[in-house]
């Protein structure tokens, strides 16, 4: 009986150690995979991924939801301009900030163009 208790405690200890050291406590935001690439590469990678996932002629609302899930704020430019403007500003190294923008051209409720840009500024 004591041997089984010792083996059980050992297994429980191994599971606890694996859980403690094996998993990250902080989930990284999805936008981080773009921001780590630097401003120019972030804009190019975001545009490539969006155009792959939402080709011309796709519904615009899933694309807007995708951008909002990355942390971007999206607004319809105006009723006369068939365009959505999405942006996110984050503080980067030191006193610099990075603004990542996506502009979605639409015709009705369909995507016709996707453009991205990244601007880095000193604070």
PDB file of N, CA and C in Angstrom:
ATOM      1  N   UNK A   1       0.811  -1.199   0.000  1.00  0.00           N
ATOM      2  CA  UNK A   1       0.000   0.000   0.000  1.00  0.00           C
ATOM      3  C   UNK A   1       0.855   1.264   0.000  1.00  0.00           C
ATOM      4  N   UNK A   2       1.872   1.381   0.873  1.00  0.00           N
ATOM      5  CA  UNK A   2       2.687   2.591   0.855  1.00  0.00           C
ATOM      6  C   UNK A   2       3.421   2.766  -0.472  1.00  0.00           C
ATOM      7  N   UNK A   3       3.786   1.673  -1.103  1.00  0.00           N
ATOM      8  CA  UNK A   3       4.482   1.764  -2.386  1.00  0.00           C
ATOM      9  C   UNK A   3       3.561   2.381  -3.446  1.00  0.00           C
ATOM     10  N   UNK A   4       2.298   1.994  -3.466  1.00  0.00           N
ATOM     11  CA  UNK A   4       1.327   2.546  -4.419  1.00  0.00           C
ATOM     12  C   UNK A   4       1.123   4.038  -4.173  1.00  0.00           C
ATOM     13  N   UNK A   5       1.097   4.434  -2.919  1.00  0.00           N
ATOM     14  CA  UNK A   5       0.931   5.849  -2.591  1.00  0.00           C
ATOM     15  C   UNK A   5       2.133   6.659  -3.063  1.00  0.00           C
ATOM     16  N   UNK A   6       3.317   6.103  -2.894  1.00  0.00           N
ATOM     17  CA  UNK A   6       4.534   6.795  -3.333  1.00  0.00           C
ATOM     18  C   UNK A   6       4.555   6.920  -4.853  1.00  0.00           C
ATOM     19  N   UNK A   7       4.211   5.836  -5.561  1.00  0.00           N
ATOM     20  CA  UNK A   7       4.165   5.873  -7.028  1.00  0.00           C
ATOM     21  C   UNK A   7       3.102   6.865  -7.495  1.00  0.00           C
ATOM     22  N   UNK A   8       1.937   6.848  -6.855  1.00  0.00           N
ATOM     23  CA  UNK A   8       0.862   7.782  -7.207  1.00  0.00           C
ATOM     24  C   UNK A   8       1.277   9.231  -6.988  1.00  0.00           C
ATOM     25  N   UNK A   9       1.931   9.489  -5.865  1.00  0.00           N
ATOM     26  CA  UNK A   9       2.402  10.851  -5.580  1.00  0.00           C
ATOM     27  C   UNK A   9       3.460  11.277  -6.590  1.00  0.00           C
ATOM     28  N   UNK A  10       4.314  10.340  -6.990  1.00  0.00           N
ATOM     29  CA  UNK A  10       5.340  10.656  -7.993  1.00  0.00           C
ATOM     30  C   UNK A  10       4.724  11.007  -9.339  1.00  0.00           C
ATOM     31  N   UNK A  11       3.727  10.219  -9.756  1.00  0.00           N
ATOM     32  CA  UNK A  11       3.044  10.506 -11.032  1.00  0.00           C
ATOM     33  C   UNK A  11       2.327  11.843 -10.957  1.00  0.00           C
ATOM     34  N   UNK A  12       1.644  12.085  -9.847  1.00  0.00           N
ATOM     35  CA  UNK A  12       0.952  13.361  -9.666  1.00  0.00           C
ATOM     36  C   UNK A  12       1.942  14.525  -9.706  1.00  0.00           C
ATOM     37  N   UNK A  13       3.103  14.341  -9.101  1.00  0.00           N
ATOM     38  CA  UNK A  13       4.140  15.379  -9.131  1.00  0.00           C
ATOM     39  C   UNK A  13       4.642  15.649 -10.537  1.00  0.00           C
ATOM     40  N   UNK A  14       4.831  14.592 -11.326  1.00  0.00           N
ATOM     41  CA  UNK A  14       5.274  14.768 -12.717  1.00  0.00           C
ATOM     42  C   UNK A  14       4.230  15.504 -13.553  1.00  0.00           C
ATOM     43  N   UNK A  15       2.969  15.143 -13.365  1.00  0.00           N
ATOM     44  CA  UNK A  15       1.892  15.821 -14.101  1.00  0.00           C
ATOM     45  C   UNK A  15       1.831  17.293 -13.698  1.00  0.00           C
ATOM     46  N   UNK A  16       1.937  17.574 -12.414  1.00  0.00           N
ATOM     47  CA  UNK A  16       1.905  18.959 -11.937  1.00  0.00           C
ATOM     48  C   UNK A  16       3.087  19.756 -12.486  1.00  0.00           C
ATOM     49  N   UNK A  17       4.278  19.156 -12.498  1.00  0.00           N
ATOM     50  CA  UNK A  17       5.462  19.844 -13.033  1.00  0.00           C
ATOM     51  C   UNK A  17       5.306  20.114 -14.524  1.00  0.00           C
ATOM     52  N   UNK A  18       4.770  19.141 -15.265  1.00  0.00           N
ATOM     53  CA  UNK A  18       4.562  19.340 -16.706  1.00  0.00           C
ATOM     54  C   UNK A  18       3.559  20.454 -16.950  1.00  0.00           C
ATOM     55  N   UNK A  19       2.499  20.490 -16.150  1.00  0.00           N
ATOM     56  CA  UNK A  19       1.498  21.548 -16.310  1.00  0.00           C
ATOM     57  C   UNK A  19       2.079  22.912 -15.942  1.00  0.00           C
ATOM     58  N   UNK A  20       2.889  22.948 -14.899  1.00  0.00           N
ATOM     59  CA  UNK A  20       3.452  24.215 -14.432  1.00  0.00           C
ATOM     60  C   UNK A  20       4.473  24.784 -15.420  1.00  0.00           C
ATOM     61  N   UNK A  21       5.371  23.960 -15.912  1.00  0.00           N
ATOM     62  CA  UNK A  21       6.445  24.436 -16.772  1.00  0.00           C
ATOM     63  C   UNK A  21       6.151  24.299 -18.260  1.00  0.00           C
ATOM     64  N   UNK A  22       5.196  23.491 -18.616  1.00  0.00           N
ATOM     65  CA  UNK A  22       4.977  23.178 -20.026  1.00  0.00           C
ATOM     66  C   UNK A  22       4.058  24.114 -20.771  1.00  0.00           C
ATOM     67  N   UNK A  23       3.308  24.933 -20.080  1.00  0.00           N
ATOM     68  CA  UNK A  23       2.327  25.771 -20.751  1.00  0.00           C
ATOM     69  C   UNK A  23       2.588  27.237 -20.455  1.00  0.00           C
ATOM     70  N   UNK A  24       2.442  28.048 -21.470  1.00  0.00           N
ATOM     71  CA  UNK A  24       2.601  29.492 -21.306  1.00  0.00           C
ATOM     72  C   UNK A  24       1.373  30.051 -20.596  1.00  0.00           C
ATOM     73  N   UNK A  25       1.588  30.953 -19.689  1.00  0.00           N
ATOM     74  CA  UNK A  25       0.474  31.560 -18.976  1.00  0.00           C
ATOM     75  C   UNK A  25      -0.143  32.718 -19.747  1.00  0.00           C
ATOM     76  N   UNK A  26       0.622  33.352 -20.577  1.00  0.00           N
ATOM     77  CA  UNK A  26       0.127  34.498 -21.329  1.00  0.00           C
ATOM     78  C   UNK A  26      -0.120  34.090 -22.771  1.00  0.00           C
ATOM     79  N   UNK A  27      -1.358  34.209 -23.187  1.00  0.00           N
ATOM     80  CA  UNK A  27      -1.676  33.940 -24.590  1.00  0.00           C
ATOM     81  C   UNK A  27      -1.240  35.154 -25.399  1.00  0.00           C
ATOM     82  N   UNK A  28      -0.507  34.933 -26.471  1.00  0.00           N
ATOM     83  CA  UNK A  28      -0.065  36.055 -27.289  1.00  0.00           C
ATOM     84  C   UNK A  28      -1.198  36.475 -28.214  1.00  0.00           C
ATOM     85  N   UNK A  29      -1.425  37.764 -28.349  1.00  0.00           N
ATOM     86  CA  UNK A  29      -2.466  38.250 -29.249  1.00  0.00           C
ATOM     87  C   UNK A  29      -2.157  37.835 -30.688  1.00  0.00           C
ATOM     88  N   UNK A  30      -3.186  37.547 -31.486  1.00  0.00           N
ATOM     89  CA  UNK A  30      -2.964  37.107 -32.868  1.00  0.00           C
ATOM     90  C   UNK A  30      -2.193  38.122 -33.718  1.00  0.00           C
ATOM     91  N   UNK A  31      -2.316  39.404 -33.401  1.00  0.00           N
ATOM     92  CA  UNK A  31      -1.648  40.440 -34.200  1.00  0.00           C
ATOM     93  C   UNK A  31      -0.135  40.396 -33.996  1.00  0.00           C
ATOM     94  N   UNK A  32       0.326  39.796 -32.891  1.00  0.00           N
ATOM     95  CA  UNK A  32       1.766  39.748 -32.604  1.00  0.00           C
ATOM     96  C   UNK A  32       2.571  39.072 -33.698  1.00  0.00           C
ATOM     97  N   UNK A  33       2.006  38.082 -34.356  1.00  0.00           N
ATOM     98  CA  UNK A  33       2.768  37.400 -35.416  1.00  0.00           C
ATOM     99  C   UNK A  33       3.106  38.353 -36.554  1.00  0.00           C
ATOM    100  N   UNK A  34       2.315  39.390 -36.741  1.00  0.00           N
ATOM    101  CA  UNK A  34       2.619  40.398 -37.761  1.00  0.00           C
ATOM    102  C   UNK A  34       3.560  41.461 -37.202  1.00  0.00           C
ATOM    103  N   UNK A  35       3.286  41.934 -35.996  1.00  0.00           N
ATOM    104  CA  UNK A  35       4.065  43.030 -35.422  1.00  0.00           C
ATOM    105  C   UNK A  35       5.525  42.652 -35.201  1.00  0.00           C
ATOM    106  N   UNK A  36       5.806  41.394 -34.892  1.00  0.00           N
ATOM    107  CA  UNK A  36       7.191  40.958 -34.667  1.00  0.00           C
ATOM    108  C   UNK A  36       8.041  41.038 -35.927  1.00  0.00           C
ATOM    109  N   UNK A  37       7.409  41.133 -37.089  1.00  0.00           N
ATOM    110  CA  UNK A  37       8.145  41.152 -38.352  1.00  0.00           C
ATOM    111  C   UNK A  37       8.684  42.532 -38.706  1.00  0.00           C
ATOM    112  N   UNK A  38       8.265  43.563 -37.990  1.00  0.00           N
ATOM    113  CA  UNK A  38       8.672  44.918 -38.329  1.00  0.00           C
ATOM    114  C   UNK A  38       7.621  45.556 -39.220  1.00  0.00           C
ATOM    115  N   UNK A  39       7.644  46.891 -39.343  1.00  0.00           N
ATOM    116  CA  UNK A  39       6.577  47.608 -40.042  1.00  0.00           C
ATOM    117  C   UNK A  39       6.330  47.176 -41.488  1.00  0.00           C
ATOM    118  N   UNK A  40       7.347  47.185 -42.316  1.00  0.00           N
ATOM    119  CA  UNK A  40       7.139  46.887 -43.741  1.00  0.00           C
ATOM    120  C   UNK A  40       6.691  45.448 -43.948  1.00  0.00           C
ATOM    121  N   UNK A  41       7.359  44.523 -43.293  1.00  0.00           N
ATOM    122  CA  UNK A  41       7.010  43.107 -43.454  1.00  0.00           C
ATOM    123  C   UNK A  41       5.641  42.798 -42.855  1.00  0.00           C
ATOM    124  N   UNK A  42       5.261  43.506 -41.785  1.00  0.00           N
ATOM    125  CA  UNK A  42       3.948  43.288 -41.171  1.00  0.00           C
ATOM    126  C   UNK A  42       2.834  43.615 -42.148  1.00  0.00           C
ATOM    127  N   UNK A  43       2.960  44.749 -42.828  1.00  0.00           N
ATOM    128  CA  UNK A  43       1.935  45.162 -43.791  1.00  0.00           C
ATOM    129  C   UNK A  43       1.842  44.173 -44.951  1.00  0.00           C
ATOM    130  N   UNK A  44       2.984  43.732 -45.453  1.00  0.00           N
ATOM    131  CA  UNK A  44       3.005  42.784 -46.578  1.00  0.00           C
ATOM    132  C   UNK A  44       2.393  41.443 -46.162  1.00  0.00           C
ATOM    133  N   UNK A  45       2.776  40.943 -44.988  1.00  0.00           N
ATOM    134  CA  UNK A  45       2.269  39.646 -44.520  1.00  0.00           C
ATOM    135  C   UNK A  45       0.770  39.704 -44.246  1.00  0.00           C
ATOM    136  N   UNK A  46       0.307  40.800 -43.645  1.00  0.00           N
ATOM    137  CA  UNK A  46      -1.124  40.941 -43.372  1.00  0.00           C
ATOM    138  C   UNK A  46      -1.916  40.968 -44.675  1.00  0.00           C
ATOM    139  N   UNK A  47      -1.446  41.732 -45.649  1.00  0.00           N
ATOM    140  CA  UNK A  47      -2.137  41.807 -46.939  1.00  0.00           C
ATOM    141  C   UNK A  47      -2.172  40.436 -47.614  1.00  0.00           C
ATOM    142  N   UNK A  48      -1.057  39.745 -47.608  1.00  0.00           N
ATOM    143  CA  UNK A  48      -0.988  38.415 -48.226  1.00  0.00           C
ATOM    144  C   UNK A  48      -1.982  37.462 -47.576  1.00  0.00           C
ATOM    145  N   UNK A  49      -2.003  37.443 -46.248  1.00  0.00           N
ATOM    146  CA  UNK A  49      -2.904  36.534 -45.540  1.00  0.00           C
ATOM    147  C   UNK A  49      -4.369  36.890 -45.775  1.00  0.00           C
ATOM    148  N   UNK A  50      -4.684  38.183 -45.770  1.00  0.00           N
ATOM    149  CA  UNK A  50      -6.071  38.598 -45.996  1.00  0.00           C
ATOM    150  C   UNK A  50      -6.524  38.279 -47.414  1.00  0.00           C
ATOM    151  N   UNK A  51      -5.656  38.520 -48.403  1.00  0.00           N
ATOM    152  CA  UNK A  51      -6.027  38.223 -49.786  1.00  0.00           C
ATOM    153  C   UNK A  51      -6.183  36.720 -50.021  1.00  0.00           C
ATOM    154  N   UNK A  52      -5.413  35.924 -49.301  1.00  0.00           N
ATOM    155  CA  UNK A  52      -5.545  34.470 -49.418  1.00  0.00           C
ATOM    156  C   UNK A  52      -6.862  33.997 -48.802  1.00  0.00           C
ATOM    157  N   UNK A  53      -7.170  34.521 -47.628  1.00  0.00           N
ATOM    158  CA  UNK A  53      -8.370  34.092 -46.909  1.00  0.00           C
ATOM    159  C   UNK A  53      -9.647  34.709 -47.477  1.00  0.00           C
ATOM    160  N   UNK A  54      -9.547  35.928 -48.013  1.00  0.00           N
ATOM    161  CA  UNK A  54     -10.711  36.652 -48.526  1.00  0.00           C
ATOM    162  C   UNK A  54     -10.415  37.173 -49.930  1.00  0.00           C
ATOM    163  N   UNK A  55     -10.470  36.322 -50.943  1.00  0.00           N
ATOM    164  CA  UNK A  55     -10.186  36.781 -52.308  1.00  0.00           C
ATOM    165  C   UNK A  55     -11.249  37.762 -52.796  1.00  0.00           C
ATOM    166  N   UNK A  56     -10.942  38.455 -53.859  1.00  0.00           N
ATOM    167  CA  UNK A  56     -11.878  39.411 -54.450  1.00  0.00           C
ATOM    168  C   UNK A  56     -13.209  38.715 -54.715  1.00  0.00           C
ATOM    169  N   UNK A  57     -14.297  39.366 -54.329  1.00  0.00           N
ATOM    170  CA  UNK A  57     -15.628  38.796 -54.491  1.00  0.00           C
ATOM    171  C   UNK A  57     -16.170  38.164 -53.219  1.00  0.00           C
ATOM    172  N   UNK A  58     -15.323  38.051 -52.180  1.00  0.00           N
ATOM    173  CA  UNK A  58     -15.768  37.497 -50.895  1.00  0.00           C
ATOM    174  C   UNK A  58     -16.700  38.481 -50.196  1.00  0.00           C
ATOM    175  N   UNK A  59     -17.469  37.966 -49.258  1.00  0.00           N
ATOM    176  CA  UNK A  59     -18.297  38.825 -48.413  1.00  0.00           C
ATOM    177  C   UNK A  59     -17.386  39.691 -47.541  1.00  0.00           C
ATOM    178  N   UNK A  60     -17.757  40.948 -47.341  1.00  0.00           N
ATOM    179  CA  UNK A  60     -16.909  41.857 -46.578  1.00  0.00           C
ATOM    180  C   UNK A  60     -17.032  41.640 -45.070  1.00  0.00           C
ATOM    181  N   UNK A  61     -18.206  41.249 -44.578  1.00  0.00           N
ATOM    182  CA  UNK A  61     -18.383  41.166 -43.125  1.00  0.00           C
ATOM    183  C   UNK A  61     -17.469  40.145 -42.442  1.00  0.00           C
ATOM    184  N   UNK A  62     -17.214  38.945 -42.993  1.00  0.00           N
ATOM    185  CA  UNK A  62     -16.236  38.066 -42.326  1.00  0.00           C
ATOM    186  C   UNK A  62     -14.825  38.662 -42.299  1.00  0.00           C
ATOM    187  N   UNK A  63     -14.463  39.414 -43.314  1.00  0.00           N
ATOM    188  CA  UNK A  63     -13.152  40.070 -43.344  1.00  0.00           C
ATOM    189  C   UNK A  63     -13.063  41.122 -42.245  1.00  0.00           C
ATOM    190  N   UNK A  64     -14.111  41.913 -42.083  1.00  0.00           N
ATOM    191  CA  UNK A  64     -14.117  42.930 -41.025  1.00  0.00           C
ATOM    192  C   UNK A  64     -14.042  42.254 -39.657  1.00  0.00           C
ATOM    193  N   UNK A  65     -14.789  41.181 -39.468  1.00  0.00           N
ATOM    194  CA  UNK A  65     -14.726  40.447 -38.191  1.00  0.00           C
ATOM    195  C   UNK A  65     -13.319  39.906 -37.941  1.00  0.00           C
ATOM    196  N   UNK A  66     -12.662  39.440 -38.975  1.00  0.00           N
ATOM    197  CA  UNK A  66     -11.285  38.925 -38.844  1.00  0.00           C
ATOM    198  C   UNK A  66     -10.346  40.034 -38.385  1.00  0.00           C
ATOM    199  N   UNK A  67     -10.452  41.208 -39.014  1.00  0.00           N
ATOM    200  CA  UNK A  67      -9.594  42.333 -38.634  1.00  0.00           C
ATOM    201  C   UNK A  67      -9.888  42.786 -37.204  1.00  0.00           C
ATOM    202  N   UNK A  68     -11.161  42.808 -36.832  1.00  0.00           N
ATOM    203  CA  UNK A  68     -11.513  43.190 -35.466  1.00  0.00           C
ATOM    204  C   UNK A  68     -11.010  42.158 -34.460  1.00  0.00           C
ATOM    205  N   UNK A  69     -10.956  40.889 -34.854  1.00  0.00           N
ATOM    206  CA  UNK A  69     -10.426  39.860 -33.948  1.00  0.00           C
ATOM    207  C   UNK A  69      -8.921  40.032 -33.731  1.00  0.00           C
ATOM    208  N   UNK A  70      -8.259  40.709 -34.659  1.00  0.00           N
ATOM    209  CA  UNK A  70      -6.836  41.020 -34.501  1.00  0.00           C
ATOM    210  C   UNK A  70      -6.624  42.244 -33.613  1.00  0.00           C
ATOM    211  N   UNK A  71      -7.715  42.914 -33.233  1.00  0.00           N
ATOM    212  CA  UNK A  71      -7.621  44.089 -32.381  1.00  0.00           C
ATOM    213  C   UNK A  71      -7.784  45.400 -33.122  1.00  0.00           C
ATOM    214  N   UNK A  72      -8.043  45.347 -34.412  1.00  0.00           N
ATOM    215  CA  UNK A  72      -8.202  46.569 -35.199  1.00  0.00           C
ATOM    216  C   UNK A  72      -9.604  47.143 -35.002  1.00  0.00           C
ATOM    217  N   UNK A  73      -9.674  48.457 -35.056  1.00  0.00           N
ATOM    218  CA  UNK A  73     -10.959  49.135 -35.070  1.00  0.00           C
ATOM    219  C   UNK A  73     -11.307  49.453 -36.510  1.00  0.00           C
ATOM    220  N   UNK A  74     -12.509  49.087 -36.941  1.00  0.00           N
ATOM    221  CA  UNK A  74     -12.909  49.274 -38.340  1.00  0.00           C
ATOM    222  C   UNK A  74     -14.115  50.198 -38.424  1.00  0.00           C
ATOM    223  N   UNK A  75     -14.058  51.127 -39.380  1.00  0.00           N
ATOM    224  CA  UNK A  75     -15.179  52.030 -39.627  1.00  0.00           C
ATOM    225  C   UNK A  75     -15.426  52.126 -41.121  1.00  0.00           C
ATOM    226  N   UNK A  76     -16.686  52.300 -41.473  1.00  0.00           N
ATOM    227  CA  UNK A  76     -17.052  52.527 -42.860  1.00  0.00           C
ATOM    228  C   UNK A  76     -16.685  53.968 -43.175  1.00  0.00           C
ATOM    229  N   UNK A  77     -15.875  54.183 -44.214  1.00  0.00           N
ATOM    230  CA  UNK A  77     -15.382  55.531 -44.526  1.00  0.00           C
ATOM    231  C   UNK A  77     -16.552  56.499 -44.700  1.00  0.00           C
ATOM    232  N   UNK A  78     -17.484  56.175 -45.557  1.00  0.00           N
ATOM    233  CA  UNK A  78     -18.712  56.952 -45.743  1.00  0.00           C
ATOM    234  C   UNK A  78     -19.604  56.168 -46.690  1.00  0.00           C
ATOM    235  N   UNK A  79     -20.849  56.549 -46.766  1.00  0.00           N
ATOM    236  CA  UNK A  79     -21.769  55.848 -47.666  1.00  0.00           C
ATOM    237  C   UNK A  79     -21.380  56.069 -49.124  1.00  0.00           C
ATOM    238  N   UNK A  80     -20.827  57.239 -49.436  1.00  0.00           N
ATOM    239  CA  UNK A  80     -20.469  57.530 -50.828  1.00  0.00           C
ATOM    240  C   UNK A  80     -19.177  56.823 -51.248  1.00  0.00           C
ATOM    241  N   UNK A  81     -18.284  56.581 -50.288  1.00  0.00           N
ATOM    242  CA  UNK A  81     -17.042  55.853 -50.580  1.00  0.00           C
ATOM    243  C   UNK A  81     -17.204  54.423 -50.101  1.00  0.00           C
ATOM    244  N   UNK A  82     -17.177  53.496 -51.015  1.00  0.00           N
ATOM    245  CA  UNK A  82     -17.361  52.082 -50.668  1.00  0.00           C
ATOM    246  C   UNK A  82     -16.053  51.527 -50.130  1.00  0.00           C
ATOM    247  N   UNK A  83     -15.758  51.875 -48.874  1.00  0.00           N
ATOM    248  CA  UNK A  83     -14.458  51.520 -48.310  1.00  0.00           C
ATOM    249  C   UNK A  83     -14.549  51.422 -46.798  1.00  0.00           C
ATOM    250  N   UNK A  84     -13.873  50.425 -46.254  1.00  0.00           N
ATOM    251  CA  UNK A  84     -13.714  50.278 -44.815  1.00  0.00           C
ATOM    252  C   UNK A  84     -12.277  50.631 -44.457  1.00  0.00           C
ATOM    253  N   UNK A  85     -12.110  51.375 -43.371  1.00  0.00           N
ATOM    254  CA  UNK A  85     -10.780  51.714 -42.862  1.00  0.00           C
ATOM    255  C   UNK A  85     -10.613  51.059 -41.494  1.00  0.00           C
ATOM    256  N   UNK A  86      -9.569  50.258 -41.360  1.00  0.00           N
ATOM    257  CA  UNK A  86      -9.288  49.561 -40.099  1.00  0.00           C
ATOM    258  C   UNK A  86      -7.874  49.919 -39.655  1.00  0.00           C
ATOM    259  N   UNK A  87      -7.698  50.123 -38.353  1.00  0.00           N
ATOM    260  CA  UNK A  87      -6.353  50.446 -37.875  1.00  0.00           C
ATOM    261  C   UNK A  87      -6.160  49.987 -36.435  1.00  0.00           C
ATOM    262  N   UNK A  88      -4.902  49.840 -36.098  1.00  0.00           N
ATOM    263  CA  UNK A  88      -4.485  49.472 -34.755  1.00  0.00           C
ATOM    264  C   UNK A  88      -3.166  50.174 -34.491  1.00  0.00           C
ATOM    265  N   UNK A  89      -3.069  50.848 -33.356  1.00  0.00           N
ATOM    266  CA  UNK A  89      -1.816  51.492 -32.969  1.00  0.00           C
ATOM    267  C   UNK A  89      -1.304  50.816 -31.704  1.00  0.00           C
ATOM    268  N   UNK A  90      -0.048  50.404 -31.743  1.00  0.00           N
ATOM    269  CA  UNK A  90       0.580  49.766 -30.581  1.00  0.00           C
ATOM    270  C   UNK A  90       1.904  50.452 -30.289  1.00  0.00           C
ATOM    271  N   UNK A  91       2.270  50.435 -29.033  1.00  0.00           N
ATOM    272  CA  UNK A  91       3.561  50.993 -28.633  1.00  0.00           C
ATOM    273  C   UNK A  91       4.624  49.947 -28.908  1.00  0.00           C
ATOM    274  N   UNK A  92       5.652  50.340 -29.632  1.00  0.00           N
ATOM    275  CA  UNK A  92       6.747  49.411 -29.916  1.00  0.00           C
ATOM    276  C   UNK A  92       7.923  49.763 -29.018  1.00  0.00           C
ATOM    277  N   UNK A  93       9.109  49.412 -29.422  1.00  0.00           N
ATOM    278  CA  UNK A  93      10.296  49.617 -28.596  1.00  0.00           C
ATOM    279  C   UNK A  93      10.488  51.083 -28.224  1.00  0.00           C
ATOM    280  N   UNK A  94      10.862  51.295 -26.981  1.00  0.00           N
ATOM    281  CA  UNK A  94      11.153  52.648 -26.529  1.00  0.00           C
ATOM    282  C   UNK A  94       9.939  53.546 -26.594  1.00  0.00           C
ATOM    283  N   UNK A  95      10.118  54.703 -27.179  1.00  0.00           N
ATOM    284  CA  UNK A  95       9.038  55.679 -27.270  1.00  0.00           C
ATOM    285  C   UNK A  95       8.467  55.728 -28.677  1.00  0.00           C
ATOM    286  N   UNK A  96       8.446  54.618 -29.351  1.00  0.00           N
ATOM    287  CA  UNK A  96       7.927  54.561 -30.715  1.00  0.00           C
ATOM    288  C   UNK A  96       6.563  53.890 -30.714  1.00  0.00           C
ATOM    289  N   UNK A  97       5.757  54.243 -31.707  1.00  0.00           N
ATOM    290  CA  UNK A  97       4.477  53.564 -31.876  1.00  0.00           C
ATOM    291  C   UNK A  97       4.376  53.080 -33.314  1.00  0.00           C
ATOM    292  N   UNK A  98       3.613  52.035 -33.494  1.00  0.00           N
ATOM    293  CA  UNK A  98       3.417  51.451 -34.812  1.00  0.00           C
ATOM    294  C   UNK A  98       1.927  51.425 -35.094  1.00  0.00           C
ATOM    295  N   UNK A  99       1.545  51.984 -36.225  1.00  0.00           N
ATOM    296  CA  UNK A  99       0.147  51.936 -36.645  1.00  0.00           C
ATOM    297  C   UNK A  99       0.050  51.002 -37.846  1.00  0.00           C
ATOM    298  N   UNK A 100      -0.779  49.993 -37.712  1.00  0.00           N
ATOM    299  CA  UNK A 100      -1.033  49.041 -38.786  1.00  0.00           C
ATOM    300  C   UNK A 100      -2.424  49.342 -39.327  1.00  0.00           C
ATOM    301  N   UNK A 101      -2.503  49.561 -40.645  1.00  0.00           N
ATOM    302  CA  UNK A 101      -3.772  49.949 -41.271  1.00  0.00           C
ATOM    303  C   UNK A 101      -4.147  48.959 -42.357  1.00  0.00           C
ATOM    304  N   UNK A 102      -5.442  48.762 -42.524  1.00  0.00           N
ATOM    305  CA  UNK A 102      -5.971  47.964 -43.627  1.00  0.00           C
ATOM    306  C   UNK A 102      -7.137  48.744 -44.219  1.00  0.00           C
ATOM    307  N   UNK A 103      -7.130  48.887 -45.530  1.00  0.00           N
ATOM    308  CA  UNK A 103      -8.211  49.560 -46.239  1.00  0.00           C
ATOM    309  C   UNK A 103      -8.866  48.528 -47.148  1.00  0.00           C
ATOM    310  N   UNK A 104     -10.172  48.389 -47.012  1.00  0.00           N
ATOM    311  CA  UNK A 104     -10.921  47.390 -47.761  1.00  0.00           C
ATOM    312  C   UNK A 104     -11.854  48.107 -48.726  1.00  0.00           C
ATOM    313  N   UNK A 105     -11.600  47.940 -50.020  1.00  0.00           N
ATOM    314  CA  UNK A 105     -12.483  48.491 -51.039  1.00  0.00           C
ATOM    315  C   UNK A 105     -13.620  47.516 -51.284  1.00  0.00           C
ATOM    316  N   UNK A 106     -14.844  48.026 -51.357  1.00  0.00           N
ATOM    317  CA  UNK A 106     -16.006  47.152 -51.523  1.00  0.00           C
ATOM    318  C   UNK A 106     -16.882  47.609 -52.678  1.00  0.00           C
ATOM    319  N   UNK A 107     -17.663  46.683 -53.167  1.00  0.00           N
ATOM    320  CA  UNK A 107     -18.729  46.978 -54.118  1.00  0.00           C
ATOM    321  C   UNK A 107     -19.937  46.229 -53.592  1.00  0.00           C
ATOM    322  N   UNK A 108     -20.890  46.972 -53.054  1.00  0.00           N
ATOM    323  CA  UNK A 108     -21.994  46.331 -52.349  1.00  0.00           C
ATOM    324  C   UNK A 108     -21.451  45.706 -51.077  1.00  0.00           C
ATOM    325  N   UNK A 109     -21.676  44.411 -50.921  1.00  0.00           N
ATOM    326  CA  UNK A 109     -21.148  43.717 -49.745  1.00  0.00           C
ATOM    327  C   UNK A 109     -20.003  42.776 -50.108  1.00  0.00           C
ATOM    328  N   UNK A 110     -19.371  43.029 -51.248  1.00  0.00           N
ATOM    329  CA  UNK A 110     -18.268  42.191 -51.730  1.00  0.00           C
ATOM    330  C   UNK A 110     -16.935  42.940 -51.648  1.00  0.00           C
ATOM    331  N   UNK A 111     -15.881  42.195 -51.365  1.00  0.00           N
ATOM    332  CA  UNK A 111     -14.522  42.748 -51.317  1.00  0.00           C
ATOM    333  C   UNK A 111     -14.007  42.887 -52.746  1.00  0.00           C
ATOM    334  N   UNK A 112     -13.493  44.073 -53.091  1.00  0.00           N
ATOM    335  CA  UNK A 112     -12.869  44.250 -54.408  1.00  0.00           C
ATOM    336  C   UNK A 112     -11.382  44.566 -54.298  1.00  0.00           C
ATOM    337  N   UNK A 113     -10.940  45.099 -53.154  1.00  0.00           N
ATOM    338  CA  UNK A 113      -9.521  45.434 -52.990  1.00  0.00           C
ATOM    339  C   UNK A 113      -9.151  45.429 -51.512  1.00  0.00           C
ATOM    340  N   UNK A 114      -7.926  45.011 -51.240  1.00  0.00           N
ATOM    341  CA  UNK A 114      -7.379  45.047 -49.881  1.00  0.00           C
ATOM    342  C   UNK A 114      -6.016  45.714 -49.965  1.00  0.00           C
ATOM    343  N   UNK A 115      -5.820  46.735 -49.140  1.00  0.00           N
ATOM    344  CA  UNK A 115      -4.525  47.401 -49.087  1.00  0.00           C
ATOM    345  C   UNK A 115      -4.123  47.532 -47.623  1.00  0.00           C
ATOM    346  N   UNK A 116      -2.843  47.402 -47.349  1.00  0.00           N
ATOM    347  CA  UNK A 116      -2.354  47.523 -45.978  1.00  0.00           C
ATOM    348  C   UNK A 116      -1.151  48.456 -45.937  1.00  0.00           C
ATOM    349  N   UNK A 117      -0.921  49.025 -44.772  1.00  0.00           N
ATOM    350  CA  UNK A 117       0.240  49.894 -44.569  1.00  0.00           C
ATOM    351  C   UNK A 117       0.618  49.850 -43.094  1.00  0.00           C
ATOM    352  N   UNK A 118       1.868  50.116 -42.820  1.00  0.00           N
ATOM    353  CA  UNK A 118       2.351  50.210 -41.444  1.00  0.00           C
ATOM    354  C   UNK A 118       3.189  51.473 -41.335  1.00  0.00           C
ATOM    355  N   UNK A 119       2.912  52.253 -40.307  1.00  0.00           N
ATOM    356  CA  UNK A 119       3.612  53.516 -40.098  1.00  0.00           C
ATOM    357  C   UNK A 119       4.208  53.498 -38.698  1.00  0.00           C
ATOM    358  N   UNK A 120       5.506  53.752 -38.610  1.00  0.00           N
ATOM    359  CA  UNK A 120       6.176  53.808 -37.314  1.00  0.00           C
ATOM    360  C   UNK A 120       6.494  55.266 -37.012  1.00  0.00           C
ATOM    361  N   UNK A 121       6.168  55.682 -35.793  1.00  0.00           N
ATOM    362  CA  UNK A 121       6.384  57.084 -35.407  1.00  0.00           C
ATOM    363  C   UNK A 121       7.072  57.161 -34.052  1.00  0.00           C
ATOM    364  N   UNK A 122       7.855  58.221 -33.880  1.00  0.00           N
ATOM    365  CA  UNK A 122       8.452  58.498 -32.573  1.00  0.00           C
ATOM    366  C   UNK A 122       7.419  59.243 -31.743  1.00  0.00           C
ATOM    367  N   UNK A 123       7.374  58.958 -30.461  1.00  0.00           N
ATOM    368  CA  UNK A 123       6.395  59.601 -29.569  1.00  0.00           C
ATOM    369  C   UNK A 123       6.973  60.848 -28.959  1.00  0.00           C
TER     370      UNK A 123
END
